[in-house]
Amino acid sequence: MTAAGRPLVILLGLLVLWQLAVWLSDIPPFLLPGPGAVLEVLWTRYETLAGHTLITVGEILLGLVFGTALGATSALVMAYFRPARAWLMPVLVVSQAVPVFALAPVLVLWFGYGLAPKVAMATLIIYFPVTAAFHDGLRRTEPGWLDLAQTMGASRWSQLRRVRLPAAMPAFASGLRVAAAVAPIGAVVGEWVGSSAGLGYYMLLMNGRVQTAAMFAALFILALVAVVLYFAIDILLRLALPWQPDSDPSLKPE
């Protein structure tokens, strides 16, 4: 079976198991609707769901851009300026010690109910994995490569551009993959706390109206967005890092 066909088979298998669970357990529809009811909502309310999806996707992408830029900058500063490392590292640790979910009401209070608090939430969640992975990659550059570059008279900027950055890219890519997986969390939590649009807002609205099938439809779209975002970034990173092929034969396409 091709790699492209496996996700479809997995999805169909999960739908079958879901339907069997509904049939065998006789769970009321307001607790667990069947896949057919969810698909009906997706079909009949696609315009409404598409509008909320675009808003959430925009929040996720903006958070991913800002979080990646801020994380990469922080990693470079910590790698090249030791005094800055002493100041930034505690900030990095504190950013994870304080639950990001607890900051959501504060961000809504500061920035209002618009786009800003959702983007800020996504940025905060993305910041740590990108910074930690990229900084670790910069620190663990092969010392022999740096010694060779110094012997050849390379400046500090040349060592960064030609040695340390390429060597740290695989670690940076790993951090970016993690960031892509967790980015939707920040946007949705921000929408739960205070919003008038987006998939998170729609889920809360449908939950209040006990329209469970519509809530599951929004959840399905959100999961689909997260999966598509992850694999899209994974493909782009593989194309951007041709010098870092997969060493595991099971990961190579058949």
Foldseek 3Di string as FASTA:
>chain_A
DWPVCVVVVVVVVVLVVLQVCCVPVVDDCLVPNHPVLLVVCCVVVVVQLVFQAVLLVVLLVLLLVLLLVLLLVLLVCVLPPVVSVVVVVVVLVVLVVDDLLVCLLVLCVVPNADSVSLSVQLSSVLNNLLNVQLNVQLVPFDVVVVVVCVVVPHDPVRCVVPGRVLSSLVSNLVSSLVSLLCSSVSNLSNVCNHYDGHLNVQLVVCVVVSVVSSNVSSVVVSVVSSVVSNVVSVVVSCVVNVVDDDPDPVPDTD
